[in-house]
Amino acid sequence: MAEVPLHRQFAGQARLVRLLLWRIGDSTDIDECLAAARSAGMIGADDEAFLRKALSMEEGQREGSSVGQVAELPVGKDTIVRLRRCVDKLNQADSA
């Protein structure tokens, strides 16, 4: 079985982060949701800055014009791992 390309893994994780934030903030306003997650102690300032950048990149990828441009996003395995850690933080803290 072929490995899922990094840009697709990135998109999936970023979308999952967005959904979790919407649930945490009970809103679709990302600023409100990130503020709610920070005030609840789910993420720190560094995570918030990273997530803002990642969500912006994912949005650009989604609105991007061609697959070639999507594949050129500067996303590496470290980015995917950090997104997964953020998903875990948001999911574990919210599940209680």
PDB file of N, CA and C in Angstrom:
ATOM      1  N   MET A   1       0.838  -1.173   0.000  1.00  0.00           N
ATOM      2  CA  MET A   1       0.000   0.000   0.000  1.00  0.00           C
ATOM      3  C   MET A   1       0.889   1.244   0.000  1.00  0.00           C
ATOM      4  N   ALA A   2       0.579   2.186  -0.846  1.00  0.00           N
ATOM      5  CA  ALA A   2       1.372   3.404  -0.968  1.00  0.00           C
ATOM      6  C   ALA A   2       1.150   4.317   0.227  1.00  0.00           C
ATOM      7  N   GLU A   3       2.219   5.024   0.599  1.00  0.00           N
ATOM      8  CA  GLU A   3       2.119   5.972   1.702  1.00  0.00           C
ATOM      9  C   GLU A   3       1.331   7.197   1.253  1.00  0.00           C
ATOM     10  N   VAL A   4       0.534   7.741   2.161  1.00  0.00           N
ATOM     11  CA  VAL A   4      -0.260   8.929   1.864  1.00  0.00           C
ATOM     12  C   VAL A   4       0.704  10.111   1.730  1.00  0.00           C
ATOM     13  N   PRO A   5       0.585  10.879   0.644  1.00  0.00           N
ATOM     14  CA  PRO A   5       1.480  12.033   0.461  1.00  0.00           C
ATOM     15  C   PRO A   5       1.379  13.014   1.629  1.00  0.00           C
ATOM     16  N   LEU A   6       2.502  13.668   1.926  1.00  0.00           N
ATOM     17  CA  LEU A   6       2.548  14.582   3.068  1.00  0.00           C
ATOM     18  C   LEU A   6       1.514  15.694   2.978  1.00  0.00           C
ATOM     19  N   HIS A   7       1.288  16.229   1.775  1.00  0.00           N
ATOM     20  CA  HIS A   7       0.323  17.329   1.673  1.00  0.00           C
ATOM     21  C   HIS A   7      -1.091  16.872   2.007  1.00  0.00           C
ATOM     22  N   ARG A   8      -1.409  15.610   1.739  1.00  0.00           N
ATOM     23  CA  ARG A   8      -2.727  15.092   2.107  1.00  0.00           C
ATOM     24  C   ARG A   8      -2.817  14.829   3.606  1.00  0.00           C
ATOM     25  N   GLN A   9      -1.728  14.316   4.205  1.00  0.00           N
ATOM     26  CA  GLN A   9      -1.703  14.119   5.650  1.00  0.00           C
ATOM     27  C   GLN A   9      -1.854  15.459   6.362  1.00  0.00           C
ATOM     28  N   PHE A  10      -1.138  16.455   5.853  1.00  0.00           N
ATOM     29  CA  PHE A  10      -1.214  17.799   6.430  1.00  0.00           C
ATOM     30  C   PHE A  10      -2.643  18.322   6.364  1.00  0.00           C
ATOM     31  N   ALA A  11      -3.262  18.212   5.213  1.00  0.00           N
ATOM     32  CA  ALA A  11      -4.627  18.720   5.041  1.00  0.00           C
ATOM     33  C   ALA A  11      -5.590  18.032   5.994  1.00  0.00           C
ATOM     34  N   GLY A  12      -5.479  16.732   6.136  1.00  0.00           N
ATOM     35  CA  GLY A  12      -6.365  15.988   7.028  1.00  0.00           C
ATOM     36  C   GLY A  12      -6.194  16.390   8.476  1.00  0.00           C
ATOM     37  N   GLN A  13      -4.953  16.514   8.917  1.00  0.00           N
ATOM     38  CA  GLN A  13      -4.695  16.897  10.306  1.00  0.00           C
ATOM     39  C   GLN A  13      -5.141  18.328  10.570  1.00  0.00           C
ATOM     40  N   ALA A  14      -4.870  19.233   9.636  1.00  0.00           N
ATOM     41  CA  ALA A  14      -5.275  20.633   9.814  1.00  0.00           C
ATOM     42  C   ALA A  14      -6.797  20.756   9.862  1.00  0.00           C
ATOM     43  N   ARG A  15      -7.482  19.996   9.050  1.00  0.00           N
ATOM     44  CA  ARG A  15      -8.951  20.039   9.066  1.00  0.00           C
ATOM     45  C   ARG A  15      -9.493  19.472  10.369  1.00  0.00           C
ATOM     46  N   LEU A  16      -8.842  18.444  10.884  1.00  0.00           N
ATOM     47  CA  LEU A  16      -9.255  17.883  12.166  1.00  0.00           C
ATOM     48  C   LEU A  16      -9.043  18.904  13.277  1.00  0.00           C
ATOM     49  N   VAL A  17      -7.923  19.612  13.252  1.00  0.00           N
ATOM     50  CA  VAL A  17      -7.674  20.674  14.230  1.00  0.00           C
ATOM     51  C   VAL A  17      -8.779  21.718  14.158  1.00  0.00           C
ATOM     52  N   ARG A  18      -9.135  22.115  12.939  1.00  0.00           N
ATOM     53  CA  ARG A  18     -10.177  23.126  12.760  1.00  0.00           C
ATOM     54  C   ARG A  18     -11.505  22.646  13.370  1.00  0.00           C
ATOM     55  N   LEU A  19     -11.876  21.403  13.116  1.00  0.00           N
ATOM     56  CA  LEU A  19     -13.123  20.863  13.673  1.00  0.00           C
ATOM     57  C   LEU A  19     -13.092  20.812  15.195  1.00  0.00           C
ATOM     58  N   LEU A  20     -11.963  20.394  15.749  1.00  0.00           N
ATOM     59  CA  LEU A  20     -11.841  20.352  17.205  1.00  0.00           C
ATOM     60  C   LEU A  20     -11.935  21.751  17.803  1.00  0.00           C
ATOM     61  N   LEU A  21     -11.299  22.718  17.154  1.00  0.00           N
ATOM     62  CA  LEU A  21     -11.369  24.095  17.645  1.00  0.00           C
ATOM     63  C   LEU A  21     -12.792  24.628  17.579  1.00  0.00           C
ATOM     64  N   TRP A  22     -13.493  24.327  16.505  1.00  0.00           N
ATOM     65  CA  TRP A  22     -14.894  24.766  16.393  1.00  0.00           C
ATOM     66  C   TRP A  22     -15.714  24.216  17.551  1.00  0.00           C
ATOM     67  N   ARG A  23     -15.463  22.971  17.909  1.00  0.00           N
ATOM     68  CA  ARG A  23     -16.202  22.346  19.007  1.00  0.00           C
ATOM     69  C   ARG A  23     -15.823  22.988  20.342  1.00  0.00           C
ATOM     70  N   ILE A  24     -14.543  23.226  20.534  1.00  0.00           N
ATOM     71  CA  ILE A  24     -14.070  23.814  21.792  1.00  0.00           C
ATOM     72  C   ILE A  24     -14.606  25.231  21.965  1.00  0.00           C
ATOM     73  N   GLY A  25     -14.549  26.016  20.894  1.00  0.00           N
ATOM     74  CA  GLY A  25     -14.992  27.400  20.976  1.00  0.00           C
ATOM     75  C   GLY A  25     -16.467  27.591  20.747  1.00  0.00           C
ATOM     76  N   ASP A  26     -17.152  26.513  20.377  1.00  0.00           N
ATOM     77  CA  ASP A  26     -18.582  26.569  20.063  1.00  0.00           C
ATOM     78  C   ASP A  26     -18.858  27.696  19.069  1.00  0.00           C
ATOM     79  N   SER A  27     -17.981  27.784  18.070  1.00  0.00           N
ATOM     80  CA  SER A  27     -18.059  28.838  17.061  1.00  0.00           C
ATOM     81  C   SER A  27     -17.231  28.401  15.857  1.00  0.00           C
ATOM     82  N   THR A  28     -17.435  29.078  14.758  1.00  0.00           N
ATOM     83  CA  THR A  28     -16.578  28.841  13.594  1.00  0.00           C
ATOM     84  C   THR A  28     -15.568  29.966  13.421  1.00  0.00           C
ATOM     85  N   ASP A  29     -15.532  30.890  14.360  1.00  0.00           N
ATOM     86  CA  ASP A  29     -14.540  31.963  14.350  1.00  0.00           C
ATOM     87  C   ASP A  29     -13.253  31.415  14.971  1.00  0.00           C
ATOM     88  N   ILE A  30     -12.235  31.216  14.145  1.00  0.00           N
ATOM     89  CA  ILE A  30     -10.998  30.593  14.599  1.00  0.00           C
ATOM     90  C   ILE A  30     -10.332  31.411  15.708  1.00  0.00           C
ATOM     91  N   ASP A  31     -10.396  32.729  15.623  1.00  0.00           N
ATOM     92  CA  ASP A  31      -9.799  33.559  16.683  1.00  0.00           C
ATOM     93  C   ASP A  31     -10.446  33.264  18.033  1.00  0.00           C
ATOM     94  N   GLU A  32     -11.768  33.204  18.054  1.00  0.00           N
ATOM     95  CA  GLU A  32     -12.497  32.881  19.290  1.00  0.00           C
ATOM     96  C   GLU A  32     -12.142  31.474  19.784  1.00  0.00           C
ATOM     97  N   CYS A  33     -12.056  30.550  18.863  1.00  0.00           N
ATOM     98  CA  CYS A  33     -11.788  29.161  19.220  1.00  0.00           C
ATOM     99  C   CYS A  33     -10.377  28.986  19.776  1.00  0.00           C
ATOM    100  N   LEU A  34      -9.410  29.636  19.152  1.00  0.00           N
ATOM    101  CA  LEU A  34      -8.040  29.566  19.656  1.00  0.00           C
ATOM    102  C   LEU A  34      -7.951  30.222  21.034  1.00  0.00           C
ATOM    103  N   ALA A  35      -8.654  31.328  21.210  1.00  0.00           N
ATOM    104  CA  ALA A  35      -8.667  32.001  22.515  1.00  0.00           C
ATOM    105  C   ALA A  35      -9.291  31.091  23.571  1.00  0.00           C
ATOM    106  N   ALA A  36     -10.357  30.397  23.220  1.00  0.00           N
ATOM    107  CA  ALA A  36     -11.003  29.475  24.164  1.00  0.00           C
ATOM    108  C   ALA A  36     -10.073  28.323  24.523  1.00  0.00           C
ATOM    109  N   ALA A  37      -9.375  27.792  23.541  1.00  0.00           N
ATOM    110  CA  ALA A  37      -8.439  26.694  23.791  1.00  0.00           C
ATOM    111  C   ALA A  37      -7.277  27.160  24.665  1.00  0.00           C
ATOM    112  N   ARG A  38      -6.788  28.366  24.425  1.00  0.00           N
ATOM    113  CA  ARG A  38      -5.698  28.914  25.253  1.00  0.00           C
ATOM    114  C   ARG A  38      -6.171  29.165  26.672  1.00  0.00           C
ATOM    115  N   SER A  39      -7.330  29.775  26.817  1.00  0.00           N
ATOM    116  CA  SER A  39      -7.811  30.091  28.174  1.00  0.00           C
ATOM    117  C   SER A  39      -8.133  28.821  28.959  1.00  0.00           C
ATOM    118  N   ALA A  40      -8.457  27.734  28.259  1.00  0.00           N
ATOM    119  CA  ALA A  40      -8.723  26.461  28.925  1.00  0.00           C
ATOM    120  C   ALA A  40      -7.434  25.672  29.194  1.00  0.00           C
ATOM    121  N   GLY A  41      -6.299  26.216  28.762  1.00  0.00           N
ATOM    122  CA  GLY A  41      -5.023  25.553  29.004  1.00  0.00           C
ATOM    123  C   GLY A  41      -4.744  24.372  28.089  1.00  0.00           C
ATOM    124  N   MET A  42      -5.471  24.282  26.992  1.00  0.00           N
ATOM    125  CA  MET A  42      -5.279  23.173  26.058  1.00  0.00           C
ATOM    126  C   MET A  42      -4.046  23.366  25.189  1.00  0.00           C
ATOM    127  N   ILE A  43      -3.752  24.619  24.846  1.00  0.00           N
ATOM    128  CA  ILE A  43      -2.603  24.937  24.010  1.00  0.00           C
ATOM    129  C   ILE A  43      -1.889  26.147  24.600  1.00  0.00           C
ATOM    130  N   GLY A  44      -0.616  26.283  24.242  1.00  0.00           N
ATOM    131  CA  GLY A  44       0.163  27.434  24.664  1.00  0.00           C
ATOM    132  C   GLY A  44       0.287  28.434  23.530  1.00  0.00           C
ATOM    133  N   ALA A  45       1.004  29.506  23.795  1.00  0.00           N
ATOM    134  CA  ALA A  45       1.189  30.559  22.802  1.00  0.00           C
ATOM    135  C   ALA A  45       1.917  30.041  21.562  1.00  0.00           C
ATOM    136  N   ASP A  46       2.918  29.182  21.767  1.00  0.00           N
ATOM    137  CA  ASP A  46       3.652  28.639  20.625  1.00  0.00           C
ATOM    138  C   ASP A  46       2.769  27.728  19.771  1.00  0.00           C
ATOM    139  N   ASP A  47       1.923  26.943  20.425  1.00  0.00           N
ATOM    140  CA  ASP A  47       0.978  26.099  19.684  1.00  0.00           C
ATOM    141  C   ASP A  47      -0.015  26.957  18.912  1.00  0.00           C
ATOM    142  N   GLU A  48      -0.486  28.021  19.536  1.00  0.00           N
ATOM    143  CA  GLU A  48      -1.445  28.893  18.865  1.00  0.00           C
ATOM    144  C   GLU A  48      -0.842  29.499  17.604  1.00  0.00           C
ATOM    145  N   ALA A  49       0.381  29.994  17.708  1.00  0.00           N
ATOM    146  CA  ALA A  49       1.046  30.590  16.541  1.00  0.00           C
ATOM    147  C   ALA A  49       1.236  29.549  15.443  1.00  0.00           C
ATOM    148  N   PHE A  50       1.654  28.348  15.832  1.00  0.00           N
ATOM    149  CA  PHE A  50       1.829  27.261  14.863  1.00  0.00           C
ATOM    150  C   PHE A  50       0.507  26.905  14.193  1.00  0.00           C
ATOM    151  N   LEU A  51      -0.562  26.787  14.996  1.00  0.00           N
ATOM    152  CA  LEU A  51      -1.862  26.409  14.439  1.00  0.00           C
ATOM    153  C   LEU A  51      -2.413  27.480  13.512  1.00  0.00           C
ATOM    154  N   ARG A  52      -2.210  28.735  13.849  1.00  0.00           N
ATOM    155  CA  ARG A  52      -2.651  29.814  12.957  1.00  0.00           C
ATOM    156  C   ARG A  52      -1.990  29.681  11.587  1.00  0.00           C
ATOM    157  N   LYS A  53      -0.691  29.435  11.606  1.00  0.00           N
ATOM    158  CA  LYS A  53       0.043  29.287  10.345  1.00  0.00           C
ATOM    159  C   LYS A  53      -0.430  28.049   9.583  1.00  0.00           C
ATOM    160  N   ALA A  54      -0.573  26.949  10.302  1.00  0.00           N
ATOM    161  CA  ALA A  54      -0.991  25.701   9.656  1.00  0.00           C
ATOM    162  C   ALA A  54      -2.394  25.819   9.073  1.00  0.00           C
ATOM    163  N   LEU A  55      -3.309  26.419   9.815  1.00  0.00           N
ATOM    164  CA  LEU A  55      -4.679  26.566   9.320  1.00  0.00           C
ATOM    165  C   LEU A  55      -4.727  27.499   8.122  1.00  0.00           C
ATOM    166  N   SER A  56      -3.898  28.515   8.146  1.00  0.00           N
ATOM    167  CA  SER A  56      -3.819  29.428   7.003  1.00  0.00           C
ATOM    168  C   SER A  56      -3.276  28.707   5.773  1.00  0.00           C
ATOM    169  N   MET A  57      -2.253  27.887   5.986  1.00  0.00           N
ATOM    170  CA  MET A  57      -1.685  27.112   4.872  1.00  0.00           C
ATOM    171  C   MET A  57      -2.714  26.132   4.310  1.00  0.00           C
ATOM    172  N   GLU A  58      -3.444  25.466   5.200  1.00  0.00           N
ATOM    173  CA  GLU A  58      -4.446  24.497   4.751  1.00  0.00           C
ATOM    174  C   GLU A  58      -5.547  25.197   3.963  1.00  0.00           C
ATOM    175  N   GLU A  59      -5.935  26.368   4.431  1.00  0.00           N
ATOM    176  CA  GLU A  59      -6.962  27.120   3.722  1.00  0.00           C
ATOM    177  C   GLU A  59      -6.470  27.516   2.333  1.00  0.00           C
ATOM    178  N   GLY A  60      -5.229  27.939   2.263  1.00  0.00           N
ATOM    179  CA  GLY A  60      -4.638  28.272   0.969  1.00  0.00           C
ATOM    180  C   GLY A  60      -4.538  27.059   0.064  1.00  0.00           C
ATOM    181  N   GLN A  61      -4.222  25.920   0.656  1.00  0.00           N
ATOM    182  CA  GLN A  61      -4.137  24.669  -0.097  1.00  0.00           C
ATOM    183  C   GLN A  61      -5.506  24.309  -0.651  1.00  0.00           C
ATOM    184  N   ARG A  62      -6.520  24.456   0.189  1.00  0.00           N
ATOM    185  CA  ARG A  62      -7.883  24.121  -0.220  1.00  0.00           C
ATOM    186  C   ARG A  62      -8.356  25.034  -1.337  1.00  0.00           C
ATOM    187  N   GLU A  63      -7.987  26.302  -1.254  1.00  0.00           N
ATOM    188  CA  GLU A  63      -8.402  27.279  -2.257  1.00  0.00           C
ATOM    189  C   GLU A  63      -7.420  27.373  -3.415  1.00  0.00           C
ATOM    190  N   GLY A  64      -6.289  26.645  -3.303  1.00  0.00           N
ATOM    191  CA  GLY A  64      -5.238  26.681  -4.325  1.00  0.00           C
ATOM    192  C   GLY A  64      -5.731  26.242  -5.677  1.00  0.00           C
ATOM    193  N   SER A  65      -4.948  26.561  -6.658  1.00  0.00           N
ATOM    194  CA  SER A  65      -5.397  26.324  -8.020  1.00  0.00           C
ATOM    195  C   SER A  65      -5.048  24.950  -8.561  1.00  0.00           C
ATOM    196  N   SER A  66      -3.858  24.443  -8.252  1.00  0.00           N
ATOM    197  CA  SER A  66      -3.508  23.176  -8.884  1.00  0.00           C
ATOM    198  C   SER A  66      -2.841  22.226  -7.906  1.00  0.00           C
ATOM    199  N   VAL A  67      -2.885  20.965  -8.222  1.00  0.00           N
ATOM    200  CA  VAL A  67      -2.278  19.935  -7.385  1.00  0.00           C
ATOM    201  C   VAL A  67      -0.782  20.152  -7.284  1.00  0.00           C
ATOM    202  N   GLY A  68      -0.155  20.618  -8.350  1.00  0.00           N
ATOM    203  CA  GLY A  68       1.271  20.885  -8.338  1.00  0.00           C
ATOM    204  C   GLY A  68       1.650  21.907  -7.289  1.00  0.00           C
ATOM    205  N   GLN A  69       0.831  22.931  -7.140  1.00  0.00           N
ATOM    206  CA  GLN A  69       1.105  23.948  -6.129  1.00  0.00           C
ATOM    207  C   GLN A  69       0.890  23.386  -4.728  1.00  0.00           C
ATOM    208  N   VAL A  70      -0.091  22.544  -4.565  1.00  0.00           N
ATOM    209  CA  VAL A  70      -0.352  21.939  -3.261  1.00  0.00           C
ATOM    210  C   VAL A  70       0.838  21.083  -2.844  1.00  0.00           C
ATOM    211  N   ALA A  71       1.380  20.316  -3.780  1.00  0.00           N
ATOM    212  CA  ALA A  71       2.499  19.431  -3.472  1.00  0.00           C
ATOM    213  C   ALA A  71       3.752  20.223  -3.106  1.00  0.00           C
ATOM    214  N   GLU A  72       3.815  21.490  -3.483  1.00  0.00           N
ATOM    215  CA  GLU A  72       4.992  22.305  -3.205  1.00  0.00           C
ATOM    216  C   GLU A  72       4.935  22.998  -1.847  1.00  0.00           C
ATOM    217  N   LEU A  73       3.876  22.793  -1.089  1.00  0.00           N
ATOM    218  CA  LEU A  73       3.790  23.401   0.237  1.00  0.00           C
ATOM    219  C   LEU A  73       4.971  22.919   1.073  1.00  0.00           C
ATOM    220  N   PRO A  74       5.577  23.825   1.844  1.00  0.00           N
ATOM    221  CA  PRO A  74       6.736  23.433   2.655  1.00  0.00           C
ATOM    222  C   PRO A  74       6.311  22.671   3.909  1.00  0.00           C
ATOM    223  N   VAL A  75       5.784  21.493   3.704  1.00  0.00           N
ATOM    224  CA  VAL A  75       5.294  20.673   4.809  1.00  0.00           C
ATOM    225  C   VAL A  75       6.154  19.426   4.900  1.00  0.00           C
ATOM    226  N   GLY A  76       6.720  19.221   6.066  1.00  0.00           N
ATOM    227  CA  GLY A  76       7.534  18.037   6.292  1.00  0.00           C
ATOM    228  C   GLY A  76       6.920  17.154   7.358  1.00  0.00           C
ATOM    229  N   LYS A  77       7.600  16.059   7.630  1.00  0.00           N
ATOM    230  CA  LYS A  77       7.092  15.127   8.634  1.00  0.00           C
ATOM    231  C   LYS A  77       7.013  15.769  10.013  1.00  0.00           C
ATOM    232  N   ASP A  78       7.939  16.698  10.305  1.00  0.00           N
ATOM    233  CA  ASP A  78       7.900  17.381  11.606  1.00  0.00           C
ATOM    234  C   ASP A  78       6.615  18.181  11.768  1.00  0.00           C
ATOM    235  N   THR A  79       6.161  18.793  10.687  1.00  0.00           N
ATOM    236  CA  THR A  79       4.917  19.563  10.722  1.00  0.00           C
ATOM    237  C   THR A  79       3.735  18.650  11.010  1.00  0.00           C
ATOM    238  N   ILE A  80       3.713  17.505  10.362  1.00  0.00           N
ATOM    239  CA  ILE A  80       2.626  16.534  10.559  1.00  0.00           C
ATOM    240  C   ILE A  80       2.631  16.042  12.007  1.00  0.00           C
ATOM    241  N   VAL A  81       3.807  15.731  12.524  1.00  0.00           N
ATOM    242  CA  VAL A  81       3.920  15.237  13.901  1.00  0.00           C
ATOM    243  C   VAL A  81       3.426  16.296  14.883  1.00  0.00           C
ATOM    244  N   ARG A  82       3.805  17.550  14.658  1.00  0.00           N
ATOM    245  CA  ARG A  82       3.368  18.615  15.567  1.00  0.00           C
ATOM    246  C   ARG A  82       1.858  18.819  15.479  1.00  0.00           C
ATOM    247  N   LEU A  83       1.293  18.738  14.279  1.00  0.00           N
ATOM    248  CA  LEU A  83      -0.162  18.842  14.151  1.00  0.00           C
ATOM    249  C   LEU A  83      -0.851  17.716  14.913  1.00  0.00           C
ATOM    250  N   ARG A  84      -0.302  16.520  14.818  1.00  0.00           N
ATOM    251  CA  ARG A  84      -0.894  15.379  15.533  1.00  0.00           C
ATOM    252  C   ARG A  84      -0.834  15.586  17.044  1.00  0.00           C
ATOM    253  N   ARG A  85       0.254  16.174  17.524  1.00  0.00           N
ATOM    254  CA  ARG A  85       0.360  16.464  18.956  1.00  0.00           C
ATOM    255  C   ARG A  85      -0.698  17.475  19.379  1.00  0.00           C
ATOM    256  N   CYS A  86      -0.906  18.474  18.536  1.00  0.00           N
ATOM    257  CA  CYS A  86      -1.933  19.471  18.844  1.00  0.00           C
ATOM    258  C   CYS A  86      -3.320  18.836  18.840  1.00  0.00           C
ATOM    259  N   VAL A  87      -3.571  17.946  17.899  1.00  0.00           N
ATOM    260  CA  VAL A  87      -4.847  17.224  17.861  1.00  0.00           C
ATOM    261  C   VAL A  87      -5.034  16.462  19.162  1.00  0.00           C
ATOM    262  N   ASP A  88      -3.977  15.784  19.607  1.00  0.00           N
ATOM    263  CA  ASP A  88      -4.070  15.032  20.861  1.00  0.00           C
ATOM    264  C   ASP A  88      -4.382  15.946  22.034  1.00  0.00           C
ATOM    265  N   LYS A  89      -3.698  17.092  22.104  1.00  0.00           N
ATOM    266  CA  LYS A  89      -3.947  18.044  23.191  1.00  0.00           C
ATOM    267  C   LYS A  89      -5.394  18.530  23.183  1.00  0.00           C
ATOM    268  N   LEU A  90      -5.868  18.892  22.013  1.00  0.00           N
ATOM    269  CA  LEU A  90      -7.234  19.414  21.892  1.00  0.00           C
ATOM    270  C   LEU A  90      -8.267  18.329  22.175  1.00  0.00           C
ATOM    271  N   ASN A  91      -7.989  17.138  21.744  1.00  0.00           N
ATOM    272  CA  ASN A  91      -8.932  16.032  21.902  1.00  0.00           C
ATOM    273  C   ASN A  91      -8.964  15.535  23.336  1.00  0.00           C
ATOM    274  N   GLN A  92      -7.816  15.358  23.962  1.00  0.00           N
ATOM    275  CA  GLN A  92      -7.767  14.854  25.328  1.00  0.00           C
ATOM    276  C   GLN A  92      -8.336  15.846  26.320  1.00  0.00           C
ATOM    277  N   ALA A  93      -7.996  17.085  26.138  1.00  0.00           N
ATOM    278  CA  ALA A  93      -8.462  18.101  27.084  1.00  0.00           C
ATOM    279  C   ALA A  93      -9.961  18.309  26.967  1.00  0.00           C
ATOM    280  N   ASP A  94     -10.502  18.143  25.778  1.00  0.00           N
ATOM    281  CA  ASP A  94     -11.919  18.390  25.569  1.00  0.00           C
ATOM    282  C   ASP A  94     -12.795  17.190  25.911  1.00  0.00           C
ATOM    283  N   SER A  95     -12.200  16.003  25.962  1.00  0.00           N
ATOM    284  CA  SER A  95     -13.012  14.802  26.143  1.00  0.00           C
ATOM    285  C   SER A  95     -13.472  14.608  27.580  1.00  0.00           C
ATOM    286  N   ALA A  96     -12.940  15.355  28.517  1.00  0.00           N
ATOM    287  CA  ALA A  96     -13.290  15.167  29.932  1.00  0.00           C
ATOM    288  C   ALA A  96     -14.628  15.673  30.252  1.00  0.00           C
TER     289      ALA A  96
END
